[in-house]
C-alpha cells in the first residue's frame, strides 16, 4: 500500500515539475521575443533620432580657442531663455575678445530673441572640430555680413538669425545635411560643399564661400554634382559658387609658374585618414597643377615630396631635386596644419630657386615666417588692394581688430548674395530662382557677384607675392603684395 502511494506521489511530482518547466520555457520565449532586434532597419535606427541637434543658435560654445567667463555666462543665459542677460554678457565678452566671430553671431541672435521678433534664418556649416582656422575665417565673414544687415534694419524689416551647424565627429557629419534640409525654418545655408544632391532634392540653397580641388566626399557625389551643374539638367541647381572654380585659380597660377621656371618640383600633402578625403584632395591638386604646368610648356620633376610624411627630410629633398633633376622652381601645397613643414622646405630653397605655393598659404601664419618665404608667389581670389574703393577690408579691420583673408571675404560674399536674394524672395524656391536669374547681381568684398545657371561665378584669380614692408599692419614686417600678371 505504501509503495503505491509513493509511486503516485512521484508521478504527481514529476507531472507538476513538467508543467512548471513548460511554463518557464513559455515565459522565456515570450520575454525573448520582446528583446530581439527588429528586422526593419528603419525601426532599429529610429532611436538614433534622439541625439542632440547639431544646430546651434547660442546655447553651446563651439569655438573654444579663447573663452572668457562672460561668454560662458552668455551661453548659459541663452539656454535659459534669459536673453537680456545673454545680450549683456556677449557684449562684455566681445570687449575682451573682439576677434571672436561666434560671440558676435550669438549676440545678434540673442538680440532677435530678446525682441521676440520673427527672423529669417540662415545656417552656416563650420567644420570647427576638423579645421578650426578655416571655420573661424568663415564665421568672421558671416558674422560681419549679419551684423551689418541687422544694424541697417534687417531684410525688408526682418532681422537675420544665423544657425551654426557643426559636427562633433565624422559619423555625425552626414547628419548635418539631413537636419539642415528638414528644418523648414532655414531658408539658405553657407558652407563647404557636402552632398550636393540632398540640397537640390530638398530645395535648399547652399552657397560655397571657398573653393577646393576636391569639394565632394566621393566619386558618386562628384558625378551627381557634375550633372546638377549642367545648365540643361532636369534637376534644378541649388549650389552656388561665390568664387570662380578652383580650376581657374590653378590655371592662372600655372601659367605664371611655367614662365618663371622650366622644371618644377611639387610638394604635396597626403596624409592617411579614415575618410581619405584629405589625401584625395591633395592628390587631385597635384595632378591639376601638373597638367596645367605642362600645358603651358613647363615640366614637373619626379622627385617625391610629401609634407605630411613624418620621415620627410626637407634638405635631402631640395638637394636631390636641384642636383639630380635640375629643378628650377619649387611649388609648395601644404594643408593649413602643415604650413610649418612647407616653411622648412622654403628655408632650404631660399635664394637658390623661385618659390611658389598654393592658396592655402595665403594666411597670417605664413607671414610670421616671411623672412624664409620672401618672394613666394601665390594665387588668390581676393586682395584688399584689388579694389581700394571697396569698404569691406577697412570695415573688417575695425570690426575684428585684425586683417582678414580671402576665406573671410568669400564667406561675407556668400551671405551677401543670400541677403540680396532674400530681399526679392524669402522662400527657398524663390531664392534659388533669384540667384539663378542672369539679371541678378550684387556687390561684395570680391566685386560684383553674378551666377550662371549652373551656379558658377565667372572671373579670374589674382597673384600675390610675399614682400618686405615698412610699418605694415600685419605686424610681421612682411605682407602679400598684389602682383601684376605677365
Protein backbone atom coordinates (compact mmCIF):
# COMPACT_ATOMS: atom_id res chain seq x y z
CA UNK A 1 0.00 0.00 0.00
CA UNK A 2 2.79 2.30 0.92
CA UNK A 3 4.63 1.64 -2.33
CA UNK A 4 1.54 2.52 -4.36
CA UNK A 5 1.16 5.85 -2.51
CA UNK A 6 4.83 6.64 -3.00
CA UNK A 7 4.60 5.88 -6.69
CA UNK A 8 1.51 8.08 -7.00
CA UNK A 9 3.25 10.95 -5.23
CA UNK A 10 6.27 10.55 -7.51
CA UNK A 11 4.10 10.66 -10.63
CA UNK A 12 2.27 13.77 -9.37
CA UNK A 13 5.60 15.47 -8.56
CA UNK A 14 7.01 14.66 -11.98
CA UNK A 15 3.84 15.95 -13.61
CA UNK A 16 3.94 19.20 -11.68
CA UNK A 17 7.64 19.61 -12.49
CA UNK A 18 6.91 19.08 -16.15
CA UNK A 19 4.17 21.68 -16.08
CA UNK A 20 6.47 24.15 -14.32
CA UNK A 21 9.29 23.55 -16.85
CA UNK A 22 6.87 24.04 -19.72
CA UNK A 23 5.59 27.25 -18.16
CA UNK A 24 9.12 28.57 -17.63
CA UNK A 25 10.08 27.78 -21.22
CA UNK A 26 6.95 29.54 -22.45
CA UNK A 27 7.74 32.63 -20.40
CA UNK A 28 11.34 32.68 -21.63
CA UNK A 29 10.18 32.53 -25.23
CA UNK A 30 7.77 35.42 -24.66
CA UNK A 31 10.42 37.59 -22.98
CA UNK A 32 12.99 36.78 -25.65
CA UNK A 33 10.62 37.86 -28.37
CA UNK A 34 10.43 41.34 -26.85
CA UNK A 35 14.20 41.97 -26.87
CA UNK A 36 15.12 40.64 -30.31
CA UNK A 37 16.42 43.43 -32.60
CA UNK A 38 13.69 44.27 -35.11
CA UNK A 39 14.38 43.21 -38.66
CA UNK A 40 13.11 46.53 -40.04
CA UNK A 41 16.19 48.80 -40.27
CA UNK A 42 14.06 51.94 -40.02
CA UNK A 43 12.61 50.84 -36.68
CA UNK A 44 16.03 49.82 -35.44
CA UNK A 45 17.56 53.20 -36.22
CA UNK A 46 14.68 55.35 -35.05
CA UNK A 47 16.19 55.63 -31.58
CA UNK A 48 19.19 57.42 -33.10
CA UNK A 49 17.00 60.42 -33.83
CA UNK A 50 17.10 61.24 -30.12
CA UNK A 51 20.67 62.56 -30.48
CA UNK A 52 21.09 66.26 -29.69
CA UNK A 53 20.76 68.64 -32.61
CA UNK A 54 23.85 69.75 -34.49
CA UNK A 55 22.26 73.19 -34.98
CA UNK A 56 23.18 75.94 -32.53
CA UNK A 57 21.86 79.50 -32.12
CA UNK A 58 23.79 80.36 -28.96
CA UNK A 59 23.44 77.65 -26.34
CA UNK A 60 26.85 75.99 -26.78
CA UNK A 61 30.42 77.20 -27.17
CA UNK A 62 31.89 75.59 -30.27
CA UNK A 63 34.97 77.78 -30.84
CA UNK A 64 36.99 77.10 -27.70
CA UNK A 65 40.32 78.73 -28.57
CA UNK A 66 39.87 81.55 -26.06
CA UNK A 67 36.77 81.62 -23.89
CA UNK A 68 36.07 84.35 -21.35
CA UNK A 69 33.70 83.86 -18.38
CA UNK A 70 31.31 86.41 -19.87
CA UNK A 71 30.83 84.23 -22.94
CA UNK A 72 30.18 81.17 -20.79
CA UNK A 73 27.60 83.17 -18.81
CA UNK A 74 26.03 84.41 -22.03
CA UNK A 75 25.60 80.90 -23.41
CA UNK A 76 24.07 79.78 -20.11
CA UNK A 77 21.64 82.69 -20.11
CA UNK A 78 20.71 82.00 -23.75
CA UNK A 79 19.93 78.36 -22.90
CA UNK A 80 17.73 79.55 -20.01
CA UNK A 81 15.96 81.98 -22.38
CA UNK A 82 17.20 84.94 -20.36
CA UNK A 83 18.03 86.86 -23.49
CA UNK A 84 18.50 90.24 -21.79
CA UNK A 85 21.33 88.81 -19.71
CA UNK A 86 22.71 86.97 -22.75
CA UNK A 87 22.96 90.24 -24.67
CA UNK A 88 24.83 91.92 -21.80
CA UNK A 89 27.24 89.01 -21.34
CA UNK A 90 28.03 88.56 -25.05
CA UNK A 91 28.62 92.31 -25.35
CA UNK A 92 31.04 92.18 -22.41
CA UNK A 93 32.83 89.16 -23.90
CA UNK A 94 33.38 90.96 -27.21
CA UNK A 95 35.07 93.83 -25.37
CA UNK A 96 37.63 91.33 -24.06
CA UNK A 97 37.97 89.48 -27.35
CA UNK A 98 36.71 91.49 -30.36
CA UNK A 99 38.14 88.90 -32.75
CA UNK A 100 35.59 86.21 -31.78
CA UNK A 101 33.00 85.75 -34.58
CA UNK A 102 30.98 83.13 -32.72
CA UNK A 103 30.21 85.56 -29.92
CA UNK A 104 29.13 88.28 -32.37
CA UNK A 105 26.75 85.84 -34.05
CA UNK A 106 25.33 84.77 -30.67
CA UNK A 107 24.93 88.43 -29.67
CA UNK A 108 22.88 89.22 -32.77
CA UNK A 109 20.81 86.07 -32.30
CA UNK A 110 20.15 86.98 -28.66
CA UNK A 111 19.01 90.49 -29.64
CA UNK A 112 16.47 88.98 -32.04
CA UNK A 113 15.19 86.60 -29.35
CA UNK A 114 15.07 89.45 -26.84
CA UNK A 115 12.81 91.43 -29.17
CA UNK A 116 10.67 88.33 -29.74
CA UNK A 117 10.62 89.11 -33.46
CA UNK A 118 10.25 86.67 -36.33
CA UNK A 119 13.63 86.40 -38.13
CA UNK A 120 14.90 85.00 -41.39
CA UNK A 121 17.15 82.07 -40.53
CA UNK A 122 20.29 81.08 -42.44
CA UNK A 123 22.70 78.30 -41.46
CA UNK A 124 26.50 78.32 -41.70
CA UNK A 125 28.29 74.95 -41.86
CA UNK A 126 31.56 75.27 -39.96
CA UNK A 127 33.92 72.27 -39.60
CA UNK A 128 35.11 73.53 -36.21
CA UNK A 129 36.41 70.23 -34.84
CA UNK A 130 38.24 69.34 -38.06
CA UNK A 131 39.53 72.70 -39.30
CA UNK A 132 39.18 75.40 -36.60
CA UNK A 133 41.19 78.03 -38.50
CA UNK A 134 39.05 77.74 -41.64
CA UNK A 135 35.89 77.72 -39.50
CA UNK A 136 36.79 80.96 -37.71
CA UNK A 137 37.63 82.62 -41.03
CA UNK A 138 34.25 81.60 -42.47
CA UNK A 139 32.40 82.62 -39.30
CA UNK A 140 34.02 86.09 -39.39
CA UNK A 141 32.68 86.74 -42.88
CA UNK A 142 29.20 85.51 -41.97
CA UNK A 143 29.17 87.42 -38.67
CA UNK A 144 30.23 90.66 -40.36
CA UNK A 145 27.50 90.40 -43.01
CA UNK A 146 24.86 89.52 -40.39
CA UNK A 147 25.92 92.38 -38.14
CA UNK A 148 25.81 94.90 -40.97
CA UNK A 149 22.40 93.94 -42.34
CA UNK A 150 20.79 93.78 -38.88
CA UNK A 151 22.21 97.18 -37.93
CA UNK A 152 20.62 98.50 -41.11
CA UNK A 153 17.18 97.22 -40.11
CA UNK A 154 17.32 93.69 -41.50
CA UNK A 155 15.91 92.24 -44.71
CA UNK A 156 12.65 94.02 -45.51
CA UNK A 157 12.19 94.58 -41.79
CA UNK A 158 13.14 91.05 -40.71
CA UNK A 159 16.39 90.51 -38.81
CA UNK A 160 18.81 87.81 -39.93
CA UNK A 161 19.46 84.95 -37.50
CA UNK A 162 22.44 82.64 -38.02
CA UNK A 163 22.43 78.96 -37.06
CA UNK A 164 25.89 77.41 -36.69
CA UNK A 165 25.95 73.78 -37.85
CA UNK A 166 28.98 71.80 -36.70
CA UNK A 167 29.58 68.05 -36.31
CA UNK A 168 31.49 66.77 -33.30
CA UNK A 169 32.78 63.71 -35.16
CA UNK A 170 32.90 62.30 -38.68
CA UNK A 171 30.00 59.95 -38.02
CA UNK A 172 27.76 62.96 -37.36
CA UNK A 173 28.84 64.83 -40.48
CA UNK A 174 26.16 63.32 -42.69
CA UNK A 175 23.52 64.27 -40.12
CA UNK A 176 24.18 67.95 -40.78
CA UNK A 177 22.77 67.75 -44.30
CA UNK A 178 19.61 65.99 -43.13
CA UNK A 179 18.99 68.37 -40.24
CA UNK A 180 19.51 71.43 -42.43
CA UNK A 181 17.21 70.42 -45.26
CA UNK A 182 14.50 69.11 -42.92
CA UNK A 183 14.36 72.30 -40.84
CA UNK A 184 11.93 74.34 -42.92
CA UNK A 185 12.66 77.50 -40.90
CA UNK A 186 16.11 77.64 -42.55
CA UNK A 187 15.88 79.41 -45.90
CA UNK A 188 19.51 79.03 -47.05
CA UNK A 189 22.96 77.83 -45.97
CA UNK A 190 26.61 78.88 -46.31
CA UNK A 191 29.34 76.26 -46.17
CA UNK A 192 31.83 73.99 -47.89
CA UNK A 193 30.20 71.52 -50.24
CA UNK A 194 28.68 68.39 -48.79
CA UNK A 195 26.18 66.10 -50.51
CA UNK A 196 25.08 68.23 -53.45
CA UNK A 197 22.08 66.10 -54.35
CA UNK A 198 20.32 66.41 -50.99
CA UNK A 199 20.24 70.21 -51.22
CA UNK A 200 18.77 70.21 -54.71
CA UNK A 201 16.28 67.47 -53.85
CA UNK A 202 15.08 69.36 -50.77
CA UNK A 203 15.30 72.78 -52.42
CA UNK A 204 17.71 74.48 -50.03
CA UNK A 205 20.22 76.95 -51.46
CA UNK A 206 23.83 76.29 -50.40
CA UNK A 207 26.40 78.99 -51.26
CA UNK A 208 30.04 77.93 -51.16
CA UNK A 209 32.38 80.55 -49.62
CA UNK A 210 35.62 78.75 -50.53
CA UNK A 211 36.74 76.56 -53.39
CA UNK A 212 38.77 73.38 -53.02
CA UNK A 213 40.29 70.98 -55.53
CA UNK A 214 38.01 68.22 -54.22
CA UNK A 215 34.77 69.67 -52.92
CA UNK A 216 32.95 66.35 -52.66
CA UNK A 217 33.34 63.35 -50.41
CA UNK A 218 33.26 60.59 -53.02
CA UNK A 219 33.12 59.91 -56.73
CA UNK A 220 29.39 59.27 -56.69
CA UNK A 221 28.76 62.76 -55.31
CA UNK A 222 31.23 64.21 -57.82
CA UNK A 223 29.27 62.73 -60.71
CA UNK A 224 25.99 63.91 -59.19
CA UNK A 225 27.34 67.44 -58.79
CA UNK A 226 28.60 67.49 -62.38
CA UNK A 227 25.17 66.53 -63.62
CA UNK A 228 23.41 69.06 -61.42
CA UNK A 229 25.73 71.83 -62.58
CA UNK A 230 24.78 71.43 -66.23
CA UNK A 231 22.55 74.31 -67.43
CA UNK A 232 20.24 71.94 -69.32
CA UNK A 233 19.89 69.42 -66.49
CA UNK A 234 16.36 68.48 -65.49
CA UNK A 235 17.42 68.86 -61.84
CA UNK A 236 17.30 72.47 -60.66
CA UNK A 237 20.64 73.54 -59.23
CA UNK A 238 20.71 74.79 -55.62
CA UNK A 239 24.50 75.11 -55.23
CA UNK A 240 26.22 78.43 -55.95
CA UNK A 241 29.93 79.27 -56.01
CA UNK A 242 30.76 82.75 -54.76
CA UNK A 243 34.32 82.42 -56.14
CA UNK A 244 35.45 81.23 -59.57
CA UNK A 245 36.05 77.48 -59.62
CA UNK A 246 39.39 76.15 -58.39
CA UNK A 247 40.41 75.18 -61.92
CA UNK A 248 40.57 78.88 -62.76
CA UNK A 249 42.92 79.57 -59.87
CA UNK A 250 45.22 76.66 -60.80
CA UNK A 251 45.29 77.72 -64.45
CA UNK A 252 46.22 81.34 -63.70
CA UNK A 253 48.96 80.30 -61.30
CA UNK A 254 50.38 77.56 -63.54
CA UNK A 255 50.66 79.92 -66.49
CA UNK A 256 52.79 82.25 -64.38
CA UNK A 257 54.90 79.40 -62.92
CA UNK A 258 55.71 77.95 -66.34
CA UNK A 259 57.00 81.33 -67.48
CA UNK A 260 59.27 81.74 -64.45
CA UNK A 261 60.76 78.25 -64.16
CA UNK A 262 61.20 75.30 -66.52
CA UNK A 263 61.44 72.29 -64.18
CA UNK A 264 59.10 72.41 -61.19
CA UNK A 265 59.37 70.33 -58.02
CA UNK A 266 55.98 69.90 -56.30
CA UNK A 267 55.49 69.20 -52.60
CA UNK A 268 52.07 67.73 -51.87
CA UNK A 269 50.44 66.96 -48.52
CA UNK A 270 48.96 63.46 -48.47
CA UNK A 271 48.27 62.02 -45.06
CA UNK A 272 46.25 58.89 -44.41
CA UNK A 273 42.84 59.26 -42.79
CA UNK A 274 39.76 57.18 -42.29
CA UNK A 275 37.87 59.00 -44.98
CA UNK A 276 40.89 59.57 -47.27
CA UNK A 277 39.27 62.92 -48.16
CA UNK A 278 42.40 64.92 -47.36
CA UNK A 279 44.64 62.53 -49.25
CA UNK A 280 42.34 62.58 -52.28
CA UNK A 281 42.16 66.36 -52.26
CA UNK A 282 45.96 66.72 -52.19
CA UNK A 283 46.47 64.18 -54.95
CA UNK A 284 43.87 65.86 -57.14
CA UNK A 285 45.51 69.25 -56.62
CA UNK A 286 48.96 67.90 -57.53
CA UNK A 287 47.52 66.36 -60.68
CA UNK A 288 45.69 69.55 -61.61
CA UNK A 289 48.86 71.61 -61.29
CA UNK A 290 50.94 69.01 -63.13
CA UNK A 291 48.64 69.04 -66.14
CA UNK A 292 48.30 72.83 -66.19
CA UNK A 293 52.05 73.45 -65.91
CA UNK A 294 52.70 71.05 -68.77
CA UNK A 295 50.01 72.75 -70.83
CA UNK A 296 51.98 75.98 -70.61
CA UNK A 297 55.28 74.35 -71.53
CA UNK A 298 56.69 73.58 -68.10
CA UNK A 299 57.81 70.24 -66.67
CA UNK A 300 57.16 68.61 -63.29
CA UNK A 301 60.06 66.55 -61.95
CA UNK A 302 59.59 63.12 -60.40
CA UNK A 303 61.44 63.59 -57.08
CA UNK A 304 58.77 62.74 -54.47
CA UNK A 305 57.81 65.20 -51.73
CA UNK A 306 55.13 64.62 -49.11
CA UNK A 307 54.91 67.30 -46.42
CA UNK A 308 52.77 65.01 -44.25
CA UNK A 309 55.35 62.19 -44.16
CA UNK A 310 56.80 62.02 -40.64
CA UNK A 311 60.13 60.87 -42.10
CA UNK A 312 60.29 63.67 -44.66
CA UNK A 313 63.74 65.35 -44.89
CA UNK A 314 63.46 68.85 -46.46
CA UNK A 315 67.20 69.27 -47.06
CA UNK A 316 67.61 65.89 -48.75
CA UNK A 317 64.59 66.55 -50.96
CA UNK A 318 65.73 70.00 -52.09
CA UNK A 319 69.31 68.87 -52.77
CA UNK A 320 68.15 65.88 -54.79
CA UNK A 321 65.60 67.91 -56.78
CA UNK A 322 68.19 70.51 -57.76
CA UNK A 323 71.27 68.34 -58.24
CA UNK A 324 69.66 65.26 -59.79
CA UNK A 325 66.72 66.64 -61.79
CA UNK A 326 67.76 70.24 -62.29
CA UNK A 327 64.71 71.73 -60.52
CA UNK A 328 64.40 75.43 -61.33
CA UNK A 329 61.40 76.19 -59.10
CA UNK A 330 59.51 74.76 -56.12
CA UNK A 331 55.72 74.65 -55.65
CA UNK A 332 54.52 74.02 -52.07
CA UNK A 333 50.99 72.73 -51.40
CA UNK A 334 50.58 72.26 -47.63
CA UNK A 335 47.38 71.85 -45.70
CA UNK A 336 46.89 74.69 -43.23
CA UNK A 337 48.16 72.49 -40.42
CA UNK A 338 51.37 71.68 -42.31
CA UNK A 339 52.43 75.19 -43.29
CA UNK A 340 55.30 74.76 -40.82
CA UNK A 341 56.79 71.89 -42.87
CA UNK A 342 56.38 73.84 -46.10
CA UNK A 343 58.38 76.61 -44.46
CA UNK A 344 61.18 74.13 -43.71
CA UNK A 345 61.39 73.34 -47.43
CA UNK A 346 61.44 77.06 -48.22
CA UNK A 347 64.35 77.55 -45.82
CA UNK A 348 66.38 75.04 -47.83
CA UNK A 349 65.38 76.59 -51.16
CA UNK A 350 65.87 80.19 -50.05
CA UNK A 351 67.86 82.21 -52.54
CA UNK A 352 68.56 79.23 -54.79
CA UNK A 353 65.37 78.92 -56.86
CA UNK A 354 61.96 80.67 -57.23
CA UNK A 355 59.24 79.71 -54.74
CA UNK A 356 55.52 79.23 -55.41
CA UNK A 357 52.70 77.99 -53.17
CA UNK A 358 49.02 77.07 -53.26
CA UNK A 359 46.38 79.44 -51.89
CA UNK A 360 46.36 77.65 -48.52
CA UNK A 361 49.47 79.64 -47.64
CA UNK A 362 47.56 82.91 -48.03
CA UNK A 363 47.31 83.31 -44.27
CA UNK A 364 48.70 85.23 -41.33
CA UNK A 365 50.62 82.12 -40.27
CA UNK A 366 52.65 82.30 -43.47
CA UNK A 367 53.67 85.91 -42.88
CA UNK A 368 55.05 85.02 -39.47
CA UNK A 369 57.77 83.20 -41.40
CA UNK A 370 58.11 85.93 -44.01
CA UNK A 371 61.92 86.08 -43.89
CA UNK A 372 62.06 82.50 -45.20
CA UNK A 373 59.27 82.96 -47.75
CA UNK A 374 60.10 86.34 -49.24
CA UNK A 375 59.45 86.33 -52.99
CA UNK A 376 56.96 83.42 -52.90
CA UNK A 377 54.05 83.82 -55.36
CA UNK A 378 50.54 82.55 -54.57
CA UNK A 379 47.16 82.62 -56.34
CA UNK A 380 44.21 84.30 -54.58
CA UNK A 381 40.59 85.22 -55.23
CA UNK A 382 40.64 88.41 -53.18
CA UNK A 383 43.15 91.05 -52.12
CA UNK A 384 42.34 94.23 -50.26
CA UNK A 385 44.24 96.33 -52.84
CA UNK A 386 42.43 94.87 -55.85
CA UNK A 387 39.58 97.33 -55.33
CA UNK A 388 40.63 100.07 -52.92
CA UNK A 389 37.24 101.76 -53.14
CA UNK A 390 35.57 98.70 -51.60
CA UNK A 391 34.99 99.33 -47.84
CA UNK A 392 35.00 95.65 -46.84
CA UNK A 393 38.66 95.37 -45.80
CA UNK A 394 38.62 98.56 -43.71
CA UNK A 395 35.31 97.65 -42.07
CA UNK A 396 36.63 94.17 -41.30
CA UNK A 397 39.77 95.57 -39.68
CA UNK A 398 37.72 97.90 -37.49
CA UNK A 399 35.35 95.09 -36.50
CA UNK A 400 37.90 92.34 -35.80
CA UNK A 401 40.91 94.47 -34.93
CA UNK A 402 42.91 92.36 -37.38
CA UNK A 403 43.43 91.78 -41.10
CA UNK A 404 41.19 89.19 -42.78
CA UNK A 405 41.87 86.90 -45.73
CA UNK A 406 40.06 85.67 -48.81
CA UNK A 407 38.18 82.93 -46.95
CA UNK A 408 36.55 85.57 -44.75
CA UNK A 409 35.83 87.69 -47.83
CA UNK A 410 34.29 84.66 -49.55
CA UNK A 411 32.04 83.88 -46.58
CA UNK A 412 31.00 87.54 -46.40
CA UNK A 413 30.08 87.50 -50.09
CA UNK A 414 28.25 84.17 -49.78
CA UNK A 415 25.92 85.67 -47.18
CA UNK A 416 25.70 88.98 -49.09
CA UNK A 417 24.43 87.07 -52.12
CA UNK A 418 21.84 85.31 -49.96
CA UNK A 419 20.79 88.60 -48.34
CA UNK A 420 20.35 90.28 -51.72
CA UNK A 421 18.31 87.31 -52.94
CA UNK A 422 16.10 87.21 -49.84
CA UNK A 423 15.22 90.87 -50.34
CA UNK A 424 13.47 89.79 -53.55
CA UNK A 425 12.02 86.48 -52.34
CA UNK A 426 12.48 84.97 -48.87
CA UNK A 427 11.33 81.43 -49.70
CA UNK A 428 13.68 78.54 -50.51
CA UNK A 429 12.46 78.08 -54.07
CA UNK A 430 12.13 81.78 -54.68
CA UNK A 431 15.70 82.42 -53.53
CA UNK A 432 17.01 79.82 -55.98
CA UNK A 433 15.17 81.47 -58.86
CA UNK A 434 16.51 84.89 -57.91
CA UNK A 435 20.14 83.77 -57.70
CA UNK A 436 19.84 81.82 -60.98
CA UNK A 437 18.40 84.80 -62.85
CA UNK A 438 21.05 86.14 -65.27
CA UNK A 439 19.95 89.66 -64.32
CA UNK A 440 20.76 89.12 -60.64
CA UNK A 441 23.85 90.87 -59.29
CA UNK A 442 25.05 92.33 -56.02
CA UNK A 443 28.21 93.99 -54.76
CA UNK A 444 30.50 92.21 -52.33
CA UNK A 445 34.04 92.14 -50.99
CA UNK A 446 35.26 90.39 -54.14
CA UNK A 447 33.43 92.74 -56.52
CA UNK A 448 30.21 92.24 -58.44
CA UNK A 449 28.59 88.86 -57.74
CA UNK A 450 26.65 87.15 -60.51
CA UNK A 451 25.95 83.46 -61.14
CA UNK A 452 25.47 81.31 -64.23
CA UNK A 453 22.52 78.90 -64.48
CA UNK A 454 24.79 76.17 -63.13
CA UNK A 455 25.68 78.28 -60.08
CA UNK A 456 29.22 79.19 -61.13
CA UNK A 457 30.78 82.62 -60.90
CA UNK A 458 32.91 83.99 -63.68
CA UNK A 459 36.17 85.79 -63.02
CA UNK A 460 39.93 85.41 -62.81
CA UNK A 461 42.25 84.67 -59.94
CA UNK A 462 44.96 87.13 -58.89
CA UNK A 463 48.57 86.59 -57.88
CA UNK A 464 50.28 87.93 -54.76
CA UNK A 465 53.93 87.98 -53.73
CA UNK A 466 55.38 87.98 -50.22
CA UNK A 467 57.40 91.16 -49.81
CA UNK A 468 59.12 93.03 -47.01
CA UNK A 469 57.15 96.06 -45.81
CA UNK A 470 57.77 99.06 -43.58
CA UNK A 471 55.34 99.60 -40.70
CA UNK A 472 52.66 97.46 -42.36
CA UNK A 473 49.54 96.43 -40.46
CA UNK A 474 50.44 92.72 -40.39
CA UNK A 475 52.94 93.30 -37.58
CA UNK A 476 55.39 90.83 -39.14
CA UNK A 477 57.41 93.09 -41.41
CA UNK A 478 56.08 91.17 -44.42
CA UNK A 479 52.88 91.31 -46.44
CA UNK A 480 51.16 89.88 -49.53
CA UNK A 481 51.61 92.41 -52.34
CA UNK A 482 49.34 92.30 -55.36
CA UNK A 483 51.32 91.17 -58.39
CA UNK A 484 50.51 92.26 -61.92
CA UNK A 485 50.21 89.11 -64.04
CA UNK A 486 52.56 88.87 -67.02
